[in-house]
Amino acid sequence: MSTDQNRLKFAWLEVTGLCNEFCDHCYADSSPKGTHGAMSVRDWMSVIDQLSGMGALDVQFIGGEPTLYPDLPELIRRAYGAGLSVEVFSNMSHIREELWETFVDCGVRLATSYYSDTAEDHDAVTRLKGSHKRTRANVERALRLNSPLRGGVVAVREGQRVREAAQDLVTLGVDQVGGDRTRAFGRASRGVTPAVADLCGHCAHEKCAVGPTGDVWPCVLGRFLSIGNVLTVPLSKIWGGTRMAEVRADIAAALGEGAESCTPPQFLPMCGPCGPCVPSVGYCDPKQATSTPRDATISASA
């Protein structure tokens, strides 16, 4: 497929692997031991400029916990100035005042994970005492500031009160709340090596992800499939290049041309084929709509 037929519209920018939480199900394997990687602020700005020049529409800053990246305000303003729509996916437990100002000035959309309506259950997932209190308080602040906000509730543990968590967000005023099951990537894989068949099949279709080392992935879950590195090759050369074509061919061979399983709602609805399940929390997979496993890979129905 040519780049004319597969225009790059969206990119996840994983600016750090550092996170103040240590969730068992983290697909990125982020933790307090993570680092900001090899990409400098200038490198990230170059990527942002390249995305704008390629006609991209949206970027989402992720991590790790992106609010722990000291130069995030500068990168947000660069993206906003380049005409890109910006979303920050954060656990919303650590937002300094400068970031709130940047969010408002640049019309930043926010997205967050929320695990329970009780502090005990939420903090058990994040392994950070007090995280529920801080996250909930910052959700309330975002709503007071009229910052667009969506929430995702991931079922991780028995008795987690995921439905109550979703209702809590709705009651607070969050009008887009999605639910998902654990995805067996990163720490959630429990050491199992990921495979192409575990992906949804929409990787490298109008989207890619750039990691802290400069590696470009077909999506955030497909980080074991590098298609290039922006520290050595321009993104415009990587997108539609030979390696990307090889990866897309491997994905098509494993999953076919029409992916059927839903992608996690904490990512973008453009991952398709259907949008987030709002506001329900539960198992949403067109192939196994009547099944409700606690834990599954994307390819559990394959």
C-alpha atoms as a PDB file:
ATOM      1  CA  MET A   1       0.000   0.000   0.000  1.00  0.00           C
ATOM      2  CA  SER A   2       1.458   3.380  -1.007  1.00  0.00           C
ATOM      3  CA  THR A   3       1.760   6.333   1.366  1.00  0.00           C
ATOM      4  CA  ASP A   4      -0.889   8.084  -0.734  1.00  0.00           C
ATOM      5  CA  GLN A   5      -3.303   5.298   0.171  1.00  0.00           C
ATOM      6  CA  ASN A   6      -2.031   5.087   3.766  1.00  0.00           C
ATOM      7  CA  ARG A   7      -1.440   8.628   4.935  1.00  0.00           C
ATOM      8  CA  LEU A   8       0.110   8.993   8.379  1.00  0.00           C
ATOM      9  CA  LYS A   9      -2.566  10.792  10.397  1.00  0.00           C
ATOM     10  CA  PHE A  10      -1.724  10.043  14.011  1.00  0.00           C
ATOM     11  CA  ALA A  11       1.282   9.244  16.172  1.00  0.00           C
ATOM     12  CA  TRP A  12       1.789   8.174  19.752  1.00  0.00           C
ATOM     13  CA  LEU A  13       4.860   9.955  21.147  1.00  0.00           C
ATOM     14  CA  GLU A  14       6.192   7.947  24.075  1.00  0.00           C
ATOM     15  CA  VAL A  15       8.412  10.597  25.602  1.00  0.00           C
ATOM     16  CA  THR A  16       9.492   8.595  28.636  1.00  0.00           C
ATOM     17  CA  GLY A  17       9.578   5.134  30.130  1.00  0.00           C
ATOM     18  CA  LEU A  18       9.527   6.611  33.626  1.00  0.00           C
ATOM     19  CA  CYS A  19       6.337   6.211  35.642  1.00  0.00           C
ATOM     20  CA  ASN A  20       5.503   6.906  39.282  1.00  0.00           C
ATOM     21  CA  GLU A  21       3.168   3.890  39.291  1.00  0.00           C
ATOM     22  CA  PHE A  22       3.989   0.194  38.855  1.00  0.00           C
ATOM     23  CA  CYS A  23       0.857  -1.445  37.453  1.00  0.00           C
ATOM     24  CA  ASP A  24       1.005  -5.218  36.918  1.00  0.00           C
ATOM     25  CA  HIS A  25      -0.734  -4.912  33.547  1.00  0.00           C
ATOM     26  CA  CYS A  26       1.452  -2.136  32.029  1.00  0.00           C
ATOM     27  CA  TYR A  27       1.917  -2.952  28.335  1.00  0.00           C
ATOM     28  CA  ALA A  28       4.941  -0.614  28.166  1.00  0.00           C
ATOM     29  CA  ASP A  29       6.641  -2.163  31.217  1.00  0.00           C
ATOM     30  CA  SER A  30       7.065   1.340  32.648  1.00  0.00           C
ATOM     31  CA  SER A  31       8.045   1.920  36.269  1.00  0.00           C
ATOM     32  CA  PRO A  32       9.849   4.295  38.652  1.00  0.00           C
ATOM     33  CA  LYS A  33      13.042   2.747  37.282  1.00  0.00           C
ATOM     34  CA  GLY A  34      12.302   3.874  33.720  1.00  0.00           C
ATOM     35  CA  THR A  35      14.236   6.585  31.895  1.00  0.00           C
ATOM     36  CA  HIS A  36      13.592   9.323  29.347  1.00  0.00           C
ATOM     37  CA  GLY A  37      15.593   7.336  26.801  1.00  0.00           C
ATOM     38  CA  ALA A  38      17.888   8.618  24.064  1.00  0.00           C
ATOM     39  CA  MET A  39      15.641  11.247  22.469  1.00  0.00           C
ATOM     40  CA  SER A  40      16.506  14.878  23.244  1.00  0.00           C
ATOM     41  CA  VAL A  41      13.974  17.703  23.259  1.00  0.00           C
ATOM     42  CA  ARG A  42      15.369  18.796  19.900  1.00  0.00           C
ATOM     43  CA  ASP A  43      14.858  15.262  18.538  1.00  0.00           C
ATOM     44  CA  TRP A  44      11.224  15.244  19.677  1.00  0.00           C
ATOM     45  CA  MET A  45      10.646  18.660  18.152  1.00  0.00           C
ATOM     46  CA  SER A  46      12.049  17.388  14.871  1.00  0.00           C
ATOM     47  CA  VAL A  47       9.628  14.453  14.948  1.00  0.00           C
ATOM     48  CA  ILE A  48       6.736  16.819  15.631  1.00  0.00           C
ATOM     49  CA  ASP A  49       7.757  19.049  12.740  1.00  0.00           C
ATOM     50  CA  GLN A  50       8.086  16.027  10.455  1.00  0.00           C
ATOM     51  CA  LEU A  51       4.628  14.788  11.415  1.00  0.00           C
ATOM     52  CA  SER A  52       3.155  18.177  10.641  1.00  0.00           C
ATOM     53  CA  GLY A  53       4.978  18.271   7.320  1.00  0.00           C
ATOM     54  CA  MET A  54       3.609  14.826   6.437  1.00  0.00           C
ATOM     55  CA  GLY A  55       0.051  16.019   6.996  1.00  0.00           C
ATOM     56  CA  ALA A  56      -0.585  14.307  10.332  1.00  0.00           C
ATOM     57  CA  LEU A  57      -3.569  15.536  12.302  1.00  0.00           C
ATOM     58  CA  ASP A  58      -3.132  14.316  15.883  1.00  0.00           C
ATOM     59  CA  VAL A  59      -0.479  13.319  18.398  1.00  0.00           C
ATOM     60  CA  GLN A  60      -0.875  11.695  21.781  1.00  0.00           C
ATOM     61  CA  PHE A  61       1.883  12.091  24.360  1.00  0.00           C
ATOM     62  CA  ILE A  62       2.263   8.912  26.390  1.00  0.00           C
ATOM     63  CA  GLY A  63       4.754   7.107  28.617  1.00  0.00           C
ATOM     64  CA  GLY A  64       5.555   5.870  31.129  1.00  0.00           C
ATOM     65  CA  GLU A  65       3.919   8.867  32.679  1.00  0.00           C
ATOM     66  CA  PRO A  66       4.336  11.768  30.231  1.00  0.00           C
ATOM     67  CA  THR A  67       3.780  14.434  32.884  1.00  0.00           C
ATOM     68  CA  LEU A  68       7.068  13.328  34.459  1.00  0.00           C
ATOM     69  CA  TYR A  69       8.910  14.403  31.301  1.00  0.00           C
ATOM     70  CA  PRO A  70      10.262  17.846  32.265  1.00  0.00           C
ATOM     71  CA  ASP A  71       9.951  19.385  28.799  1.00  0.00           C
ATOM     72  CA  LEU A  72       6.429  18.184  28.033  1.00  0.00           C
ATOM     73  CA  PRO A  73       4.982  21.738  28.050  1.00  0.00           C
ATOM     74  CA  GLU A  74       7.508  22.765  25.415  1.00  0.00           C
ATOM     75  CA  LEU A  75       6.655  19.776  23.219  1.00  0.00           C
ATOM     76  CA  ILE A  76       2.917  20.364  23.562  1.00  0.00           C
ATOM     77  CA  ARG A  77       3.323  23.983  22.504  1.00  0.00           C
ATOM     78  CA  ARG A  78       5.466  22.911  19.559  1.00  0.00           C
ATOM     79  CA  ALA A  79       2.809  20.451  18.395  1.00  0.00           C
ATOM     80  CA  TYR A  80       0.021  22.978  18.917  1.00  0.00           C
ATOM     81  CA  GLY A  81       1.973  25.610  16.986  1.00  0.00           C
ATOM     82  CA  ALA A  82       2.487  23.110  14.167  1.00  0.00           C
ATOM     83  CA  GLY A  83      -1.262  22.704  13.811  1.00  0.00           C
ATOM     84  CA  LEU A  84      -1.529  19.295  15.436  1.00  0.00           C
ATOM     85  CA  SER A  85      -4.337  18.365  17.797  1.00  0.00           C
ATOM     86  CA  VAL A  86      -2.859  17.182  21.091  1.00  0.00           C
ATOM     87  CA  GLU A  87      -3.940  14.594  23.641  1.00  0.00           C
ATOM     88  CA  VAL A  88      -2.011  13.592  26.759  1.00  0.00           C
ATOM     89  CA  PHE A  89      -2.615  10.146  28.214  1.00  0.00           C
ATOM     90  CA  SER A  90      -1.744  10.411  31.893  1.00  0.00           C
ATOM     91  CA  ASN A  91      -2.466   8.660  35.161  1.00  0.00           C
ATOM     92  CA  MET A  92      -3.237  12.207  36.354  1.00  0.00           C
ATOM     93  CA  SER A  93      -1.551  11.722  39.699  1.00  0.00           C
ATOM     94  CA  HIS A  94       1.296  14.151  39.013  1.00  0.00           C
ATOM     95  CA  ILE A  95       0.345  17.330  37.129  1.00  0.00           C
ATOM     96  CA  ARG A  96       2.341  20.438  37.960  1.00  0.00           C
ATOM     97  CA  GLU A  97       0.891  23.933  37.584  1.00  0.00           C
ATOM     98  CA  GLU A  98       2.816  24.749  34.408  1.00  0.00           C
ATOM     99  CA  LEU A  99       1.187  21.782  32.697  1.00  0.00           C
ATOM    100  CA  TRP A 100      -2.326  22.896  33.603  1.00  0.00           C
ATOM    101  CA  GLU A 101      -1.571  26.267  32.014  1.00  0.00           C
ATOM    102  CA  THR A 102      -0.255  24.551  28.883  1.00  0.00           C
ATOM    103  CA  PHE A 103      -3.273  22.232  28.693  1.00  0.00           C
ATOM    104  CA  VAL A 104      -5.646  25.194  28.762  1.00  0.00           C
ATOM    105  CA  ASP A 105      -3.609  27.406  26.408  1.00  0.00           C
ATOM    106  CA  CYS A 106      -3.256  24.671  23.788  1.00  0.00           C
ATOM    107  CA  GLY A 107      -6.698  23.078  24.085  1.00  0.00           C
ATOM    108  CA  VAL A 108      -5.142  19.768  25.109  1.00  0.00           C
ATOM    109  CA  ARG A 109      -7.412  16.738  25.417  1.00  0.00           C
ATOM    110  CA  LEU A 110      -6.730  14.450  28.365  1.00  0.00           C
ATOM    111  CA  ALA A 111      -7.176  10.713  28.816  1.00  0.00           C
ATOM    112  CA  THR A 112      -6.668   8.679  31.951  1.00  0.00           C
ATOM    113  CA  SER A 113      -6.953   5.219  33.458  1.00  0.00           C
ATOM    114  CA  TYR A 114      -9.195   4.716  36.469  1.00  0.00           C
ATOM    115  CA  TYR A 115      -9.391   1.363  38.204  1.00  0.00           C
ATOM    116  CA  SER A 116     -11.974   1.583  40.974  1.00  0.00           C
ATOM    117  CA  ASP A 117     -14.249   3.907  42.861  1.00  0.00           C
ATOM    118  CA  THR A 118     -12.384   2.960  46.042  1.00  0.00           C
ATOM    119  CA  ALA A 119      -8.894   4.115  46.923  1.00  0.00           C
ATOM    120  CA  GLU A 120      -7.958   0.663  48.234  1.00  0.00           C
ATOM    121  CA  ASP A 121      -8.704  -1.118  44.947  1.00  0.00           C
ATOM    122  CA  HIS A 122      -7.322   1.612  42.670  1.00  0.00           C
ATOM    123  CA  ASP A 123      -4.077   1.911  44.643  1.00  0.00           C
ATOM    124  CA  ALA A 124      -3.699  -1.888  44.669  1.00  0.00           C
ATOM    125  CA  VAL A 125      -3.532  -1.791  40.867  1.00  0.00           C
ATOM    126  CA  THR A 126      -1.168   1.180  40.607  1.00  0.00           C
ATOM    127  CA  ARG A 127       0.958   0.116  43.587  1.00  0.00           C
ATOM    128  CA  LEU A 128       1.101   3.768  44.566  1.00  0.00           C
ATOM    129  CA  LYS A 129      -0.591   4.746  47.811  1.00  0.00           C
ATOM    130  CA  GLY A 130      -2.628   7.912  47.394  1.00  0.00           C
ATOM    131  CA  SER A 131      -2.837   7.634  43.608  1.00  0.00           C
ATOM    132  CA  HIS A 132      -6.634   7.324  43.615  1.00  0.00           C
ATOM    133  CA  LYS A 133      -7.058  10.492  45.650  1.00  0.00           C
ATOM    134  CA  ARG A 134      -4.726  12.500  43.414  1.00  0.00           C
ATOM    135  CA  THR A 135      -6.103  11.118  40.151  1.00  0.00           C
ATOM    136  CA  ARG A 136      -9.691  11.773  41.156  1.00  0.00           C
ATOM    137  CA  ALA A 137      -8.855  15.314  42.315  1.00  0.00           C
ATOM    138  CA  ASN A 138      -7.146  16.074  39.008  1.00  0.00           C
ATOM    139  CA  VAL A 139     -10.070  14.634  37.049  1.00  0.00           C
ATOM    140  CA  GLU A 140     -12.271  17.086  38.900  1.00  0.00           C
ATOM    141  CA  ARG A 141      -9.870  19.941  38.165  1.00  0.00           C
ATOM    142  CA  ALA A 142      -9.756  19.114  34.458  1.00  0.00           C
ATOM    143  CA  LEU A 143     -13.535  19.189  34.351  1.00  0.00           C
ATOM    144  CA  ARG A 144     -13.618  22.555  36.149  1.00  0.00           C
ATOM    145  CA  LEU A 145     -11.219  23.897  33.519  1.00  0.00           C
ATOM    146  CA  ASN A 146     -13.433  22.476  30.743  1.00  0.00           C
ATOM    147  CA  SER A 147     -10.536  20.402  29.449  1.00  0.00           C
ATOM    148  CA  PRO A 148     -11.816  17.534  27.253  1.00  0.00           C
ATOM    149  CA  LEU A 149     -11.315  14.317  29.208  1.00  0.00           C
ATOM    150  CA  ARG A 150     -12.010  10.652  28.603  1.00  0.00           C
ATOM    151  CA  GLY A 151     -11.494   7.772  30.980  1.00  0.00           C
ATOM    152  CA  GLY A 152     -10.688   4.102  30.562  1.00  0.00           C
ATOM    153  CA  VAL A 153     -11.378   1.399  33.150  1.00  0.00           C
ATOM    154  CA  VAL A 154      -9.260  -1.716  32.697  1.00  0.00           C
ATOM    155  CA  ALA A 155     -10.326  -4.898  34.477  1.00  0.00           C
ATOM    156  CA  VAL A 156      -7.173  -6.157  36.198  1.00  0.00           C
ATOM    157  CA  ARG A 157      -8.179  -7.875  39.443  1.00  0.00           C
ATOM    158  CA  GLU A 158     -11.052  -9.830  40.919  1.00  0.00           C
ATOM    159  CA  GLY A 159     -13.436  -7.645  42.921  1.00  0.00           C
ATOM    160  CA  GLN A 160     -12.007  -4.459  41.444  1.00  0.00           C
ATOM    161  CA  ARG A 161     -15.414  -2.726  41.105  1.00  0.00           C
ATOM    162  CA  VAL A 162     -14.862  -1.738  37.485  1.00  0.00           C
ATOM    163  CA  ARG A 163     -18.517  -0.933  36.846  1.00  0.00           C
ATOM    164  CA  GLU A 164     -18.598   1.289  39.908  1.00  0.00           C
ATOM    165  CA  ALA A 165     -15.397   2.964  38.687  1.00  0.00           C
ATOM    166  CA  ALA A 166     -17.018   3.778  35.360  1.00  0.00           C
ATOM    167  CA  GLN A 167     -20.112   5.109  37.079  1.00  0.00           C
ATOM    168  CA  ASP A 168     -17.958   7.230  39.386  1.00  0.00           C
ATOM    169  CA  LEU A 169     -16.348   8.905  36.375  1.00  0.00           C
ATOM    170  CA  VAL A 170     -19.722   9.476  34.744  1.00  0.00           C
ATOM    171  CA  THR A 171     -21.068  10.972  37.975  1.00  0.00           C
ATOM    172  CA  LEU A 172     -18.096  13.322  38.140  1.00  0.00           C
ATOM    173  CA  GLY A 173     -18.979  14.542  34.648  1.00  0.00           C
ATOM    174  CA  VAL A 174     -16.678  12.552  32.368  1.00  0.00           C
ATOM    175  CA  ASP A 175     -18.834  12.011  29.284  1.00  0.00           C
ATOM    176  CA  GLN A 176     -16.633   9.439  27.541  1.00  0.00           C
ATOM    177  CA  VAL A 177     -15.798   6.370  29.608  1.00  0.00           C
ATOM    178  CA  GLY A 178     -14.556   3.127  28.082  1.00  0.00           C
ATOM    179  CA  GLY A 179     -13.757  -0.293  29.477  1.00  0.00           C
ATOM    180  CA  ASP A 180     -11.231  -2.931  28.577  1.00  0.00           C
ATOM    181  CA  ARG A 181      -9.681  -6.199  29.686  1.00  0.00           C
ATOM    182  CA  THR A 182      -5.994  -6.766  30.369  1.00  0.00           C
ATOM    183  CA  ARG A 183      -3.848  -7.037  27.226  1.00  0.00           C
ATOM    184  CA  ALA A 184      -1.004  -9.555  27.429  1.00  0.00           C
ATOM    185  CA  PHE A 185       1.845  -7.245  26.536  1.00  0.00           C
ATOM    186  CA  GLY A 186       4.644  -5.896  28.693  1.00  0.00           C
ATOM    187  CA  ARG A 187       4.330  -6.961  32.332  1.00  0.00           C
ATOM    188  CA  ALA A 188       0.860  -8.343  31.678  1.00  0.00           C
ATOM    189  CA  SER A 189       2.390 -11.012  29.422  1.00  0.00           C
ATOM    190  CA  ARG A 190       4.115 -12.539  32.455  1.00  0.00           C
ATOM    191  CA  GLY A 191       7.240 -13.126  30.425  1.00  0.00           C
ATOM    192  CA  VAL A 192       5.610 -14.555  27.299  1.00  0.00           C
ATOM    193  CA  THR A 193       7.183 -13.231  24.099  1.00  0.00           C
ATOM    194  CA  PRO A 194       4.616 -11.251  22.071  1.00  0.00           C
ATOM    195  CA  ALA A 195       3.698 -12.373  18.580  1.00  0.00           C
ATOM    196  CA  VAL A 196       2.240 -10.678  15.516  1.00  0.00           C
ATOM    197  CA  ALA A 197      -0.939 -12.717  15.990  1.00  0.00           C
ATOM    198  CA  ASP A 198      -1.482 -10.957  19.333  1.00  0.00           C
ATOM    199  CA  LEU A 199      -2.062  -7.626  17.583  1.00  0.00           C
ATOM    200  CA  CYS A 200      -5.387  -6.334  16.292  1.00  0.00           C
ATOM    201  CA  GLY A 201      -4.258  -5.956  12.680  1.00  0.00           C
ATOM    202  CA  HIS A 202      -4.622  -2.192  12.303  1.00  0.00           C
ATOM    203  CA  CYS A 203      -0.960  -1.490  13.073  1.00  0.00           C
ATOM    204  CA  ALA A 204       0.810   0.968  10.761  1.00  0.00           C
ATOM    205  CA  HIS A 205      -2.522   1.900   9.218  1.00  0.00           C
ATOM    206  CA  GLU A 206      -2.639   5.707   9.363  1.00  0.00           C
ATOM    207  CA  LYS A 207      -0.772   5.563  12.672  1.00  0.00           C
ATOM    208  CA  CYS A 208       2.572   4.780  14.258  1.00  0.00           C
ATOM    209  CA  ALA A 209       4.337   5.200  17.583  1.00  0.00           C
ATOM    210  CA  VAL A 210       7.729   6.692  18.385  1.00  0.00           C
ATOM    211  CA  GLY A 211       9.498   5.492  21.524  1.00  0.00           C
ATOM    212  CA  PRO A 212      12.042   7.083  23.877  1.00  0.00           C
ATOM    213  CA  THR A 213      14.941   5.466  22.018  1.00  0.00           C
ATOM    214  CA  GLY A 214      13.756   6.824  18.664  1.00  0.00           C
ATOM    215  CA  ASP A 215      12.393   3.495  17.487  1.00  0.00           C
ATOM    216  CA  VAL A 216       9.271   3.698  15.350  1.00  0.00           C
ATOM    217  CA  TRP A 217       6.650   1.018  15.969  1.00  0.00           C
ATOM    218  CA  PRO A 218       3.521   0.152  13.971  1.00  0.00           C
ATOM    219  CA  CYS A 219       1.526   0.825  17.174  1.00  0.00           C
ATOM    220  CA  VAL A 220       2.153   1.070  20.903  1.00  0.00           C
ATOM    221  CA  LEU A 221       1.501  -2.638  21.433  1.00  0.00           C
ATOM    222  CA  GLY A 222       3.665  -3.626  18.461  1.00  0.00           C
ATOM    223  CA  ARG A 223       6.853  -2.298  20.007  1.00  0.00           C
ATOM    224  CA  PHE A 224       8.583  -5.609  19.283  1.00  0.00           C
ATOM    225  CA  LEU A 225       8.297  -4.716  15.557  1.00  0.00           C
ATOM    226  CA  SER A 226      10.592  -1.751  14.950  1.00  0.00           C
ATOM    227  CA  ILE A 227      10.170  -0.239  11.482  1.00  0.00           C
ATOM    228  CA  GLY A 228      13.022   2.253  11.829  1.00  0.00           C
ATOM    229  CA  ASN A 229      14.609   4.824  14.101  1.00  0.00           C
ATOM    230  CA  VAL A 230      14.116   8.585  13.794  1.00  0.00           C
ATOM    231  CA  LEU A 231      17.587   9.264  15.206  1.00  0.00           C
ATOM    232  CA  THR A 232      19.096   7.853  12.032  1.00  0.00           C
ATOM    233  CA  VAL A 233      16.386   8.051   9.348  1.00  0.00           C
ATOM    234  CA  PRO A 234      13.737  10.749   8.729  1.00  0.00           C
ATOM    235  CA  LEU A 235      10.211   9.673   9.603  1.00  0.00           C
ATOM    236  CA  SER A 236       9.106  10.353   6.043  1.00  0.00           C
ATOM    237  CA  LYS A 237      11.566   7.700   4.854  1.00  0.00           C
ATOM    238  CA  ILE A 238      10.517   5.207   7.520  1.00  0.00           C
ATOM    239  CA  TRP A 239       6.797   5.595   6.786  1.00  0.00           C
ATOM    240  CA  GLY A 240       6.117   3.557   3.672  1.00  0.00           C
ATOM    241  CA  GLY A 241       9.654   2.209   3.607  1.00  0.00           C
ATOM    242  CA  THR A 242      10.841  -1.326   2.967  1.00  0.00           C
ATOM    243  CA  ARG A 243      10.851  -2.412   6.607  1.00  0.00           C
ATOM    244  CA  MET A 244       7.361  -1.050   7.185  1.00  0.00           C
ATOM    245  CA  ALA A 245       6.117  -2.943   4.122  1.00  0.00           C
ATOM    246  CA  GLU A 246       7.627  -6.148   5.519  1.00  0.00           C
ATOM    247  CA  VAL A 247       5.957  -5.642   8.895  1.00  0.00           C
ATOM    248  CA  ARG A 248       2.581  -4.889   7.319  1.00  0.00           C
ATOM    249  CA  ALA A 249       2.902  -8.032   5.197  1.00  0.00           C
ATOM    250  CA  ASP A 250       3.636 -10.110   8.312  1.00  0.00           C
ATOM    251  CA  ILE A 251       0.607  -8.630  10.083  1.00  0.00           C
ATOM    252  CA  ALA A 252      -1.650  -9.282   7.109  1.00  0.00           C
ATOM    253  CA  ALA A 253      -0.372 -12.858   6.849  1.00  0.00           C
ATOM    254  CA  ALA A 254      -1.168 -13.512  10.513  1.00  0.00           C
ATOM    255  CA  LEU A 255      -4.438 -11.612  10.816  1.00  0.00           C
ATOM    256  CA  GLY A 256      -5.787 -11.025   7.333  1.00  0.00           C
ATOM    257  CA  GLU A 257      -6.762  -7.726   5.817  1.00  0.00           C
ATOM    258  CA  GLY A 258      -9.763  -7.095   8.081  1.00  0.00           C
ATOM    259  CA  ALA A 259      -9.076  -7.082  11.811  1.00  0.00           C
ATOM    260  CA  GLU A 260     -12.103  -7.936  13.899  1.00  0.00           C
ATOM    261  CA  SER A 261     -11.099  -7.552  17.532  1.00  0.00           C
ATOM    262  CA  CYS A 262     -11.601  -4.206  19.204  1.00  0.00           C
ATOM    263  CA  THR A 263      -8.581  -2.282  20.362  1.00  0.00           C
ATOM    264  CA  PRO A 264      -8.257  -0.886  23.881  1.00  0.00           C
ATOM    265  CA  PRO A 265     -10.406   2.218  24.410  1.00  0.00           C
ATOM    266  CA  GLN A 266      -7.495   4.038  25.991  1.00  0.00           C
ATOM    267  CA  PHE A 267      -6.063   4.264  22.496  1.00  0.00           C
ATOM    268  CA  LEU A 268      -7.862   5.986  19.645  1.00  0.00           C
ATOM    269  CA  PRO A 269     -11.191   5.016  18.093  1.00  0.00           C
ATOM    270  CA  MET A 270      -9.436   5.256  14.715  1.00  0.00           C
ATOM    271  CA  CYS A 271      -7.751   1.950  15.575  1.00  0.00           C
ATOM    272  CA  GLY A 272     -11.156   0.514  14.660  1.00  0.00           C
ATOM    273  CA  PRO A 273     -13.117  -1.301  13.532  1.00  0.00           C
ATOM    274  CA  CYS A 274     -15.512  -0.029  16.198  1.00  0.00           C
ATOM    275  CA  GLY A 275     -15.200   2.736  18.732  1.00  0.00           C
ATOM    276  CA  PRO A 276     -14.815   2.436  22.495  1.00  0.00           C
ATOM    277  CA  CYS A 277     -17.622   0.806  24.430  1.00  0.00           C
ATOM    278  CA  VAL A 278     -19.129   3.825  26.141  1.00  0.00           C
ATOM    279  CA  PRO A 279     -19.957   3.885  29.001  1.00  0.00           C
ATOM    280  CA  SER A 280     -20.108   0.136  29.613  1.00  0.00           C
ATOM    281  CA  VAL A 281     -17.255  -1.793  31.118  1.00  0.00           C
ATOM    282  CA  GLY A 282     -16.800  -5.386  30.097  1.00  0.00           C
ATOM    283  CA  TYR A 283     -15.656  -7.695  27.383  1.00  0.00           C
ATOM    284  CA  CYS A 284     -16.079  -6.272  23.902  1.00  0.00           C
ATOM    285  CA  ASP A 285     -14.840  -8.469  21.092  1.00  0.00           C
ATOM    286  CA  PRO A 286     -17.006  -9.107  18.023  1.00  0.00           C
ATOM    287  CA  LYS A 287     -15.804 -12.699  17.859  1.00  0.00           C
ATOM    288  CA  GLN A 288     -16.548 -13.536  21.491  1.00  0.00           C
ATOM    289  CA  ALA A 289     -19.237 -11.109  22.548  1.00  0.00           C
ATOM    290  CA  THR A 290     -20.775 -13.611  24.957  1.00  0.00           C
ATOM    291  CA  SER A 291     -17.543 -14.497  26.737  1.00  0.00           C
ATOM    292  CA  THR A 292     -16.132 -12.577  29.684  1.00  0.00           C
ATOM    293  CA  PRO A 293     -12.593 -13.695  30.471  1.00  0.00           C
ATOM    294  CA  ARG A 294     -10.696 -11.784  33.137  1.00  0.00           C
ATOM    295  CA  ASP A 295      -7.491 -11.878  31.184  1.00  0.00           C
ATOM    296  CA  ALA A 296      -6.803 -12.271  27.469  1.00  0.00           C
ATOM    297  CA  THR A 297      -4.590 -11.394  24.591  1.00  0.00           C
ATOM    298  CA  ILE A 298      -5.912  -9.506  21.630  1.00  0.00           C
ATOM    299  CA  SER A 299      -5.816 -12.720  19.669  1.00  0.00           C
ATOM    300  CA  ALA A 300      -7.664 -14.803  22.271  1.00  0.00           C
ATOM    301  CA  SER A 301     -10.436 -15.409  19.752  1.00  0.00           C
ATOM    302  CA  ALA A 302      -8.120 -16.284  16.883  1.00  0.00           C
END
